Amino acid sequence: MLESYIWVIIGMAVVTFIPRMLPLVAFQMDTIPPFVRGVLKNVPYAILGALIFPGIITFNENSWLGIIGAITAFIAAYLGASLIIIVLVSILSLSLIGFVLI
């Protein structure tokens, strides 16, 4: 059993290592073009959005609650609030709506 865990860990390490090293080996250049740098800089935000969006829609039986929470979080983020304030504003707005609806 322990041996199978070790092989799983080794396999995960290889699978993680290959996508990180493949671009370095394939391109072999000192500088990355500005367009590619801009695309790579935005990949984490795109992935985060893809992970969060389904949770917004399936938050509750009423998907409008998730949408309202997301809108209040977007507004707070646009106004430049810190991450903890964004989360608190979203929770507060959903709590107030929950008290009004229930």
PDB file of N, CA and C in Angstrom:
ATOM      1  N   MET A   1       0.828  -1.193   0.000  1.00  0.00           N
ATOM      2  CA  MET A   1       0.000   0.000   0.000  1.00  0.00           C
ATOM      3  C   MET A   1       0.867   1.248   0.000  1.00  0.00           C
ATOM      4  N   LEU A   2       1.908   1.258   0.831  1.00  0.00           N
ATOM      5  CA  LEU A   2       2.811   2.405   0.879  1.00  0.00           C
ATOM      6  C   LEU A   2       3.517   2.597  -0.458  1.00  0.00           C
ATOM      7  N   GLU A   3       3.863   1.480  -1.099  1.00  0.00           N
ATOM      8  CA  GLU A   3       4.535   1.567  -2.399  1.00  0.00           C
ATOM      9  C   GLU A   3       3.635   2.214  -3.450  1.00  0.00           C
ATOM     10  N   SER A   4       2.340   1.920  -3.410  1.00  0.00           N
ATOM     11  CA  SER A   4       1.428   2.538  -4.388  1.00  0.00           C
ATOM     12  C   SER A   4       1.319   4.047  -4.151  1.00  0.00           C
ATOM     13  N   TYR A   5       1.352   4.482  -2.894  1.00  0.00           N
ATOM     14  CA  TYR A   5       1.347   5.923  -2.602  1.00  0.00           C
ATOM     15  C   TYR A   5       2.594   6.595  -3.153  1.00  0.00           C
ATOM     16  N   ILE A   6       3.713   5.939  -3.009  1.00  0.00           N
ATOM     17  CA  ILE A   6       4.967   6.504  -3.510  1.00  0.00           C
ATOM     18  C   ILE A   6       4.906   6.655  -5.027  1.00  0.00           C
ATOM     19  N   TRP A   7       4.364   5.648  -5.727  1.00  0.00           N
ATOM     20  CA  TRP A   7       4.253   5.745  -7.176  1.00  0.00           C
ATOM     21  C   TRP A   7       3.270   6.834  -7.594  1.00  0.00           C
ATOM     22  N   VAL A   8       2.218   7.014  -6.839  1.00  0.00           N
ATOM     23  CA  VAL A   8       1.270   8.093  -7.138  1.00  0.00           C
ATOM     24  C   VAL A   8       1.937   9.450  -6.971  1.00  0.00           C
ATOM     25  N   ILE A   9       2.709   9.616  -5.916  1.00  0.00           N
ATOM     26  CA  ILE A   9       3.418  10.883  -5.685  1.00  0.00           C
ATOM     27  C   ILE A   9       4.443  11.134  -6.785  1.00  0.00           C
ATOM     28  N   ILE A  10       5.163  10.121  -7.181  1.00  0.00           N
ATOM     29  CA  ILE A  10       6.137  10.270  -8.264  1.00  0.00           C
ATOM     30  C   ILE A  10       5.421  10.624  -9.565  1.00  0.00           C
ATOM     31  N   GLY A  11       4.321   9.967  -9.846  1.00  0.00           N
ATOM     32  CA  GLY A  11       3.553  10.272 -11.056  1.00  0.00           C
ATOM     33  C   GLY A  11       3.023  11.694 -11.064  1.00  0.00           C
ATOM     34  N   MET A  12       2.505  12.163  -9.921  1.00  0.00           N
ATOM     35  CA  MET A  12       2.021  13.539  -9.850  1.00  0.00           C
ATOM     36  C   MET A  12       3.161  14.533 -10.015  1.00  0.00           C
ATOM     37  N   ALA A  13       4.330  14.212  -9.488  1.00  0.00           N
ATOM     38  CA  ALA A  13       5.480  15.101  -9.647  1.00  0.00           C
ATOM     39  C   ALA A  13       5.884  15.203 -11.117  1.00  0.00           C
ATOM     40  N   VAL A  14       5.892  14.079 -11.819  1.00  0.00           N
ATOM     41  CA  VAL A  14       6.255  14.096 -13.240  1.00  0.00           C
ATOM     42  C   VAL A  14       5.218  14.868 -14.046  1.00  0.00           C
ATOM     43  N   VAL A  15       3.939  14.628 -13.777  1.00  0.00           N
ATOM     44  CA  VAL A  15       2.876  15.313 -14.507  1.00  0.00           C
ATOM     45  C   VAL A  15       2.905  16.813 -14.241  1.00  0.00           C
ATOM     46  N   THR A  16       3.301  17.221 -13.060  1.00  0.00           N
ATOM     47  CA  THR A  16       3.405  18.641 -12.746  1.00  0.00           C
ATOM     48  C   THR A  16       4.667  19.241 -13.350  1.00  0.00           C
ATOM     49  N   PHE A  17       5.747  18.490 -13.367  1.00  0.00           N
ATOM     50  CA  PHE A  17       7.038  18.993 -13.845  1.00  0.00           C
ATOM     51  C   PHE A  17       7.048  19.205 -15.359  1.00  0.00           C
ATOM     52  N   ILE A  18       6.441  18.294 -16.102  1.00  0.00           N
ATOM     53  CA  ILE A  18       6.499  18.356 -17.569  1.00  0.00           C
ATOM     54  C   ILE A  18       5.878  19.646 -18.119  1.00  0.00           C
ATOM     55  N   PRO A  19       4.653  20.039 -17.742  1.00  0.00           N
ATOM     56  CA  PRO A  19       4.108  21.279 -18.319  1.00  0.00           C
ATOM     57  C   PRO A  19       4.889  22.532 -17.914  1.00  0.00           C
ATOM     58  N   ARG A  20       5.575  22.494 -16.807  1.00  0.00           N
ATOM     59  CA  ARG A  20       6.350  23.671 -16.394  1.00  0.00           C
ATOM     60  C   ARG A  20       7.683  23.761 -17.121  1.00  0.00           C
ATOM     61  N   MET A  21       8.286  22.641 -17.421  1.00  0.00           N
ATOM     62  CA  MET A  21       9.591  22.648 -18.072  1.00  0.00           C
ATOM     63  C   MET A  21       9.497  22.631 -19.596  1.00  0.00           C
ATOM     64  N   LEU A  22       8.404  22.117 -20.144  1.00  0.00           N
ATOM     65  CA  LEU A  22       8.277  22.005 -21.598  1.00  0.00           C
ATOM     66  C   LEU A  22       8.415  23.349 -22.310  1.00  0.00           C
ATOM     67  N   PRO A  23       7.771  24.432 -21.860  1.00  0.00           N
ATOM     68  CA  PRO A  23       7.958  25.713 -22.550  1.00  0.00           C
ATOM     69  C   PRO A  23       9.402  26.219 -22.474  1.00  0.00           C
ATOM     70  N   LEU A  24      10.071  25.991 -21.367  1.00  0.00           N
ATOM     71  CA  LEU A  24      11.456  26.447 -21.242  1.00  0.00           C
ATOM     72  C   LEU A  24      12.374  25.702 -22.203  1.00  0.00           C
ATOM     73  N   VAL A  25      12.154  24.424 -22.335  1.00  0.00           N
ATOM     74  CA  VAL A  25      12.995  23.623 -23.221  1.00  0.00           C
ATOM     75  C   VAL A  25      12.629  23.883 -24.679  1.00  0.00           C
ATOM     76  N   ALA A  26      11.346  24.036 -24.981  1.00  0.00           N
ATOM     77  CA  ALA A  26      10.901  24.189 -26.370  1.00  0.00           C
ATOM     78  C   ALA A  26      11.280  25.551 -26.937  1.00  0.00           C
ATOM     79  N   PHE A  27      11.165  26.601 -26.164  1.00  0.00           N
ATOM     80  CA  PHE A  27      11.394  27.935 -26.709  1.00  0.00           C
ATOM     81  C   PHE A  27      12.854  28.354 -26.649  1.00  0.00           C
ATOM     82  N   GLN A  28      13.579  28.017 -25.614  1.00  0.00           N
ATOM     83  CA  GLN A  28      15.006  28.319 -25.484  1.00  0.00           C
ATOM     84  C   GLN A  28      15.338  29.762 -25.870  1.00  0.00           C
ATOM     85  N   MET A  29      14.549  30.705 -25.385  1.00  0.00           N
ATOM     86  CA  MET A  29      14.832  32.095 -25.684  1.00  0.00           C
ATOM     87  C   MET A  29      15.021  32.878 -24.391  1.00  0.00           C
ATOM     88  N   ASP A  30      15.766  33.954 -24.507  1.00  0.00           N
ATOM     89  CA  ASP A  30      16.048  34.766 -23.330  1.00  0.00           C
ATOM     90  C   ASP A  30      14.866  35.641 -22.938  1.00  0.00           C
ATOM     91  N   THR A  31      14.180  36.163 -23.926  1.00  0.00           N
ATOM     92  CA  THR A  31      13.045  37.043 -23.629  1.00  0.00           C
ATOM     93  C   THR A  31      11.781  36.477 -24.245  1.00  0.00           C
ATOM     94  N   ILE A  32      10.703  36.669 -23.553  1.00  0.00           N
ATOM     95  CA  ILE A  32       9.397  36.240 -24.046  1.00  0.00           C
ATOM     96  C   ILE A  32       8.773  37.431 -24.765  1.00  0.00           C
ATOM     97  N   PRO A  33       8.173  37.217 -25.936  1.00  0.00           N
ATOM     98  CA  PRO A  33       7.539  38.326 -26.650  1.00  0.00           C
ATOM     99  C   PRO A  33       6.451  38.980 -25.792  1.00  0.00           C
ATOM    100  N   PRO A  34       6.240  40.290 -25.945  1.00  0.00           N
ATOM    101  CA  PRO A  34       5.262  40.999 -25.106  1.00  0.00           C
ATOM    102  C   PRO A  34       3.847  40.425 -25.208  1.00  0.00           C
ATOM    103  N   PHE A  35       3.437  39.983 -26.409  1.00  0.00           N
ATOM    104  CA  PHE A  35       2.096  39.426 -26.549  1.00  0.00           C
ATOM    105  C   PHE A  35       1.940  38.154 -25.714  1.00  0.00           C
ATOM    106  N   VAL A  36       2.921  37.259 -25.801  1.00  0.00           N
ATOM    107  CA  VAL A  36       2.870  36.002 -25.034  1.00  0.00           C
ATOM    108  C   VAL A  36       2.928  36.294 -23.540  1.00  0.00           C
ATOM    109  N   ARG A  37       3.738  37.260 -23.149  1.00  0.00           N
ATOM    110  CA  ARG A  37       3.822  37.643 -21.739  1.00  0.00           C
ATOM    111  C   ARG A  37       2.466  38.157 -21.243  1.00  0.00           C
ATOM    112  N   GLY A  38       1.779  38.960 -22.068  1.00  0.00           N
ATOM    113  CA  GLY A  38       0.455  39.469 -21.689  1.00  0.00           C
ATOM    114  C   GLY A  38      -0.572  38.357 -21.554  1.00  0.00           C
ATOM    115  N   VAL A  39      -0.513  37.385 -22.467  1.00  0.00           N
ATOM    116  CA  VAL A  39      -1.446  36.254 -22.395  1.00  0.00           C
ATOM    117  C   VAL A  39      -1.174  35.428 -21.141  1.00  0.00           C
ATOM    118  N   LEU A  40       0.087  35.126 -20.884  1.00  0.00           N
ATOM    119  CA  LEU A  40       0.439  34.312 -19.718  1.00  0.00           C
ATOM    120  C   LEU A  40       0.112  35.027 -18.410  1.00  0.00           C
ATOM    121  N   LYS A  41       0.187  36.353 -18.418  1.00  0.00           N
ATOM    122  CA  LYS A  41      -0.115  37.102 -17.210  1.00  0.00           C
ATOM    123  C   LYS A  41      -1.603  37.020 -16.847  1.00  0.00           C
ATOM    124  N   ASN A  42      -2.466  36.837 -17.847  1.00  0.00           N
ATOM    125  CA  ASN A  42      -3.906  36.797 -17.600  1.00  0.00           C
ATOM    126  C   ASN A  42      -4.469  35.398 -17.421  1.00  0.00           C
ATOM    127  N   VAL A  43      -3.672  34.378 -17.614  1.00  0.00           N
ATOM    128  CA  VAL A  43      -4.153  32.997 -17.474  1.00  0.00           C
ATOM    129  C   VAL A  43      -4.671  32.698 -16.061  1.00  0.00           C
ATOM    130  N   PRO A  44      -3.980  33.084 -14.982  1.00  0.00           N
ATOM    131  CA  PRO A  44      -4.518  32.767 -13.649  1.00  0.00           C
ATOM    132  C   PRO A  44      -5.894  33.382 -13.393  1.00  0.00           C
ATOM    133  N   TYR A  45      -6.134  34.595 -13.901  1.00  0.00           N
ATOM    134  CA  TYR A  45      -7.439  35.221 -13.702  1.00  0.00           C
ATOM    135  C   TYR A  45      -8.528  34.485 -14.479  1.00  0.00           C
ATOM    136  N   ALA A  46      -8.203  34.029 -15.675  1.00  0.00           N
ATOM    137  CA  ALA A  46      -9.169  33.277 -16.470  1.00  0.00           C
ATOM    138  C   ALA A  46      -9.510  31.948 -15.802  1.00  0.00           C
ATOM    139  N   ILE A  47      -8.510  31.283 -15.263  1.00  0.00           N
ATOM    140  CA  ILE A  47      -8.745  30.002 -14.586  1.00  0.00           C
ATOM    141  C   ILE A  47      -9.567  30.220 -13.324  1.00  0.00           C
ATOM    142  N   LEU A  48      -9.236  31.262 -12.569  1.00  0.00           N
ATOM    143  CA  LEU A  48      -9.990  31.556 -11.357  1.00  0.00           C
ATOM    144  C   LEU A  48     -11.455  31.853 -11.679  1.00  0.00           C
ATOM    145  N   GLY A  49     -11.687  32.612 -12.730  1.00  0.00           N
ATOM    146  CA  GLY A  49     -13.061  32.887 -13.149  1.00  0.00           C
ATOM    147  C   GLY A  49     -13.797  31.622 -13.559  1.00  0.00           C
ATOM    148  N   ALA A  50     -13.107  30.734 -14.269  1.00  0.00           N
ATOM    149  CA  ALA A  50     -13.734  29.477 -14.683  1.00  0.00           C
ATOM    150  C   ALA A  50     -14.048  28.583 -13.494  1.00  0.00           C
ATOM    151  N   LEU A  51     -13.270  28.676 -12.436  1.00  0.00           N
ATOM    152  CA  LEU A  51     -13.539  27.866 -11.245  1.00  0.00           C
ATOM    153  C   LEU A  51     -14.657  28.464 -10.393  1.00  0.00           C
ATOM    154  N   ILE A  52     -14.745  29.782 -10.341  1.00  0.00           N
ATOM    155  CA  ILE A  52     -15.710  30.435  -9.456  1.00  0.00           C
ATOM    156  C   ILE A  52     -17.093  30.547 -10.090  1.00  0.00           C
ATOM    157  N   PHE A  53     -17.172  30.766 -11.399  1.00  0.00           N
ATOM    158  CA  PHE A  53     -18.464  31.028 -12.038  1.00  0.00           C
ATOM    159  C   PHE A  53     -19.505  29.926 -11.827  1.00  0.00           C
ATOM    160  N   PRO A  54     -19.174  28.638 -11.970  1.00  0.00           N
ATOM    161  CA  PRO A  54     -20.195  27.613 -11.706  1.00  0.00           C
ATOM    162  C   PRO A  54     -20.709  27.647 -10.269  1.00  0.00           C
ATOM    163  N   GLY A  55     -19.848  28.004  -9.319  1.00  0.00           N
ATOM    164  CA  GLY A  55     -20.283  28.111  -7.930  1.00  0.00           C
ATOM    165  C   GLY A  55     -21.246  29.266  -7.710  1.00  0.00           C
ATOM    166  N   ILE A  56     -21.095  30.319  -8.499  1.00  0.00           N
ATOM    167  CA  ILE A  56     -22.014  31.453  -8.399  1.00  0.00           C
ATOM    168  C   ILE A  56     -23.397  31.039  -8.875  1.00  0.00           C
ATOM    169  N   ILE A  57     -23.458  30.327  -9.977  1.00  0.00           N
ATOM    170  CA  ILE A  57     -24.749  29.933 -10.549  1.00  0.00           C
ATOM    171  C   ILE A  57     -25.435  28.870  -9.694  1.00  0.00           C
ATOM    172  N   THR A  58     -24.679  27.949  -9.117  1.00  0.00           N
ATOM    173  CA  THR A  58     -25.279  26.849  -8.351  1.00  0.00           C
ATOM    174  C   THR A  58     -25.171  27.085  -6.848  1.00  0.00           C
ATOM    175  N   PHE A  59     -25.120  28.344  -6.427  1.00  0.00           N
ATOM    176  CA  PHE A  59     -24.958  28.689  -5.017  1.00  0.00           C
ATOM    177  C   PHE A  59     -26.136  28.203  -4.173  1.00  0.00           C
ATOM    178  N   ASN A  60     -27.322  28.344  -4.686  1.00  0.00           N
ATOM    179  CA  ASN A  60     -28.535  28.037  -3.943  1.00  0.00           C
ATOM    180  C   ASN A  60     -29.579  27.574  -4.953  1.00  0.00           C
ATOM    181  N   GLU A  61     -30.751  27.182  -4.470  1.00  0.00           N
ATOM    182  CA  GLU A  61     -31.824  26.832  -5.399  1.00  0.00           C
ATOM    183  C   GLU A  61     -32.172  28.032  -6.271  1.00  0.00           C
ATOM    184  N   ASN A  62     -32.088  29.224  -5.667  1.00  0.00           N
ATOM    185  CA  ASN A  62     -32.337  30.454  -6.391  1.00  0.00           C
ATOM    186  C   ASN A  62     -30.980  30.999  -6.846  1.00  0.00           C
ATOM    187  N   SER A  63     -30.699  30.884  -8.139  1.00  0.00           N
ATOM    188  CA  SER A  63     -29.383  31.303  -8.624  1.00  0.00           C
ATOM    189  C   SER A  63     -29.190  32.812  -8.562  1.00  0.00           C
ATOM    190  N   TRP A  64     -30.259  33.569  -8.352  1.00  0.00           N
ATOM    191  CA  TRP A  64     -30.123  35.026  -8.253  1.00  0.00           C
ATOM    192  C   TRP A  64     -29.334  35.431  -7.017  1.00  0.00           C
ATOM    193  N   LEU A  65     -29.370  34.642  -5.975  1.00  0.00           N
ATOM    194  CA  LEU A  65     -28.588  34.974  -4.786  1.00  0.00           C
ATOM    195  C   LEU A  65     -27.092  34.952  -5.088  1.00  0.00           C
ATOM    196  N   GLY A  66     -26.648  33.969  -5.822  1.00  0.00           N
ATOM    197  CA  GLY A  66     -25.245  33.909  -6.208  1.00  0.00           C
ATOM    198  C   GLY A  66     -24.857  35.052  -7.125  1.00  0.00           C
ATOM    199  N   ILE A  67     -25.749  35.399  -8.041  1.00  0.00           N
ATOM    200  CA  ILE A  67     -25.477  36.501  -8.966  1.00  0.00           C
ATOM    201  C   ILE A  67     -25.415  37.826  -8.217  1.00  0.00           C
ATOM    202  N   ILE A  68     -26.311  38.043  -7.268  1.00  0.00           N
ATOM    203  CA  ILE A  68     -26.300  39.279  -6.476  1.00  0.00           C
ATOM    204  C   ILE A  68     -25.024  39.354  -5.633  1.00  0.00           C
ATOM    205  N   GLY A  69     -24.634  38.252  -5.033  1.00  0.00           N
ATOM    206  CA  GLY A  69     -23.389  38.230  -4.269  1.00  0.00           C
ATOM    207  C   GLY A  69     -22.182  38.527  -5.142  1.00  0.00           C
ATOM    208  N   ALA A  70     -22.166  37.993  -6.357  1.00  0.00           N
ATOM    209  CA  ALA A  70     -21.059  38.249  -7.274  1.00  0.00           C
ATOM    210  C   ALA A  70     -21.042  39.709  -7.716  1.00  0.00           C
ATOM    211  N   ILE A  71     -22.212  40.268  -7.974  1.00  0.00           N
ATOM    212  CA  ILE A  71     -22.272  41.673  -8.398  1.00  0.00           C
ATOM    213  C   ILE A  71     -21.774  42.589  -7.295  1.00  0.00           C
ATOM    214  N   THR A  72     -22.186  42.338  -6.052  1.00  0.00           N
ATOM    215  CA  THR A  72     -21.695  43.184  -4.962  1.00  0.00           C
ATOM    216  C   THR A  72     -20.182  43.019  -4.773  1.00  0.00           C
ATOM    217  N   ALA A  73     -19.676  41.803  -4.970  1.00  0.00           N
ATOM    218  CA  ALA A  73     -18.224  41.588  -4.872  1.00  0.00           C
ATOM    219  C   ALA A  73     -17.497  42.321  -6.004  1.00  0.00           C
ATOM    220  N   PHE A  74     -18.057  42.281  -7.216  1.00  0.00           N
ATOM    221  CA  PHE A  74     -17.442  42.992  -8.338  1.00  0.00           C
ATOM    222  C   PHE A  74     -17.423  44.493  -8.103  1.00  0.00           C
ATOM    223  N   ILE A  75     -18.515  45.028  -7.576  1.00  0.00           N
ATOM    224  CA  ILE A  75     -18.581  46.471  -7.309  1.00  0.00           C
ATOM    225  C   ILE A  75     -17.555  46.858  -6.249  1.00  0.00           C
ATOM    226  N   ALA A  76     -17.479  46.087  -5.183  1.00  0.00           N
ATOM    227  CA  ALA A  76     -16.504  46.387  -4.128  1.00  0.00           C
ATOM    228  C   ALA A  76     -15.076  46.285  -4.666  1.00  0.00           C
ATOM    229  N   ALA A  77     -14.814  45.299  -5.515  1.00  0.00           N
ATOM    230  CA  ALA A  77     -13.475  45.156  -6.096  1.00  0.00           C
ATOM    231  C   ALA A  77     -13.166  46.310  -7.045  1.00  0.00           C
ATOM    232  N   TYR A  78     -14.159  46.739  -7.810  1.00  0.00           N
ATOM    233  CA  TYR A  78     -13.960  47.857  -8.732  1.00  0.00           C
ATOM    234  C   TYR A  78     -13.652  49.148  -7.975  1.00  0.00           C
ATOM    235  N   LEU A  79     -14.262  49.301  -6.809  1.00  0.00           N
ATOM    236  CA  LEU A  79     -14.015  50.494  -6.002  1.00  0.00           C
ATOM    237  C   LEU A  79     -12.675  50.437  -5.279  1.00  0.00           C
ATOM    238  N   GLY A  80     -11.964  49.321  -5.377  1.00  0.00           N
ATOM    239  CA  GLY A  80     -10.619  49.217  -4.827  1.00  0.00           C
ATOM    240  C   GLY A  80     -10.550  48.680  -3.408  1.00  0.00           C
ATOM    241  N   ALA A  81     -11.571  47.991  -2.969  1.00  0.00           N
ATOM    242  CA  ALA A  81     -11.562  47.436  -1.614  1.00  0.00           C
ATOM    243  C   ALA A  81     -10.574  46.274  -1.519  1.00  0.00           C
ATOM    244  N   SER A  82     -10.110  46.007  -0.321  1.00  0.00           N
ATOM    245  CA  SER A  82      -9.214  44.869  -0.114  1.00  0.00           C
ATOM    246  C   SER A  82     -10.020  43.572  -0.182  1.00  0.00           C
ATOM    247  N   LEU A  83      -9.313  42.465  -0.250  1.00  0.00           N
ATOM    248  CA  LEU A  83      -9.969  41.170  -0.425  1.00  0.00           C
ATOM    249  C   LEU A  83     -10.921  40.853   0.725  1.00  0.00           C
ATOM    250  N   ILE A  84     -10.512  41.119   1.952  1.00  0.00           N
ATOM    251  CA  ILE A  84     -11.371  40.808   3.092  1.00  0.00           C
ATOM    252  C   ILE A  84     -12.632  41.668   3.077  1.00  0.00           C
ATOM    253  N   ILE A  85     -12.515  42.925   2.655  1.00  0.00           N
ATOM    254  CA  ILE A  85     -13.684  43.800   2.557  1.00  0.00           C
ATOM    255  C   ILE A  85     -14.624  43.302   1.467  1.00  0.00           C
ATOM    256  N   ILE A  86     -14.076  42.840   0.353  1.00  0.00           N
ATOM    257  CA  ILE A  86     -14.907  42.306  -0.731  1.00  0.00           C
ATOM    258  C   ILE A  86     -15.711  41.116  -0.243  1.00  0.00           C
ATOM    259  N   VAL A  87     -15.061  40.211   0.462  1.00  0.00           N
ATOM    260  CA  VAL A  87     -15.754  39.030   0.984  1.00  0.00           C
ATOM    261  C   VAL A  87     -16.818  39.438   1.997  1.00  0.00           C
ATOM    262  N   LEU A  88     -16.477  40.353   2.892  1.00  0.00           N
ATOM    263  CA  LEU A  88     -17.448  40.787   3.908  1.00  0.00           C
ATOM    264  C   LEU A  88     -18.636  41.513   3.298  1.00  0.00           C
ATOM    265  N   VAL A  89     -18.394  42.340   2.292  1.00  0.00           N
ATOM    266  CA  VAL A  89     -19.503  43.042   1.628  1.00  0.00           C
ATOM    267  C   VAL A  89     -20.426  42.042   0.943  1.00  0.00           C
ATOM    268  N   SER A  90     -19.861  41.051   0.301  1.00  0.00           N
ATOM    269  CA  SER A  90     -20.673  40.038  -0.368  1.00  0.00           C
ATOM    270  C   SER A  90     -21.487  39.228   0.643  1.00  0.00           C
ATOM    271  N   ILE A  91     -20.868  38.841   1.740  1.00  0.00           N
ATOM    272  CA  ILE A  91     -21.589  38.090   2.778  1.00  0.00           C
ATOM    273  C   ILE A  91     -22.682  38.945   3.396  1.00  0.00           C
ATOM    274  N   LEU A  92     -22.370  40.210   3.674  1.00  0.00           N
ATOM    275  CA  LEU A  92     -23.354  41.117   4.261  1.00  0.00           C
ATOM    276  C   LEU A  92     -24.540  41.332   3.331  1.00  0.00           C
ATOM    277  N   SER A  93     -24.274  41.516   2.047  1.00  0.00           N
ATOM    278  CA  SER A  93     -25.385  41.723   1.110  1.00  0.00           C
ATOM    279  C   SER A  93     -26.276  40.478   1.024  1.00  0.00           C
ATOM    280  N   LEU A  94     -25.670  39.300   0.990  1.00  0.00           N
ATOM    281  CA  LEU A  94     -26.474  38.083   0.938  1.00  0.00           C
ATOM    282  C   LEU A  94     -27.214  37.847   2.249  1.00  0.00           C
ATOM    283  N   SER A  95     -26.618  38.230   3.366  1.00  0.00           N
ATOM    284  CA  SER A  95     -27.308  38.091   4.660  1.00  0.00           C
ATOM    285  C   SER A  95     -28.518  39.012   4.714  1.00  0.00           C
ATOM    286  N   LEU A  96     -28.354  40.241   4.276  1.00  0.00           N
ATOM    287  CA  LEU A  96     -29.470  41.185   4.280  1.00  0.00           C
ATOM    288  C   LEU A  96     -30.598  40.725   3.342  1.00  0.00           C
ATOM    289  N   ILE A  97     -30.224  40.222   2.178  1.00  0.00           N
ATOM    290  CA  ILE A  97     -31.243  39.709   1.261  1.00  0.00           C
ATOM    291  C   ILE A  97     -31.919  38.488   1.845  1.00  0.00           C
ATOM    292  N   GLY A  98     -31.151  37.633   2.528  1.00  0.00           N
ATOM    293  CA  GLY A  98     -31.731  36.453   3.174  1.00  0.00           C
ATOM    294  C   GLY A  98     -32.713  36.822   4.260  1.00  0.00           C
ATOM    295  N   PHE A  99     -32.405  37.873   5.033  1.00  0.00           N
ATOM    296  CA  PHE A  99     -33.347  38.314   6.079  1.00  0.00           C
ATOM    297  C   PHE A  99     -34.608  38.915   5.480  1.00  0.00           C
ATOM    298  N   VAL A 100     -34.474  39.612   4.363  1.00  0.00           N
ATOM    299  CA  VAL A 100     -35.627  40.242   3.729  1.00  0.00           C
ATOM    300  C   VAL A 100     -36.513  39.182   3.086  1.00  0.00           C
ATOM    301  N   LEU A 101     -35.914  38.204   2.439  1.00  0.00           N
ATOM    302  CA  LEU A 101     -36.695  37.185   1.736  1.00  0.00           C
ATOM    303  C   LEU A 101     -37.300  36.151   2.670  1.00  0.00           C
ATOM    304  N   ILE A 102     -36.668  35.926   3.828  1.00  0.00           N
ATOM    305  CA  ILE A 102     -37.178  34.880   4.722  1.00  0.00           C
ATOM    306  C   ILE A 102     -38.062  35.439   5.773  1.00  0.00           C
TER     307      ILE A 102
END
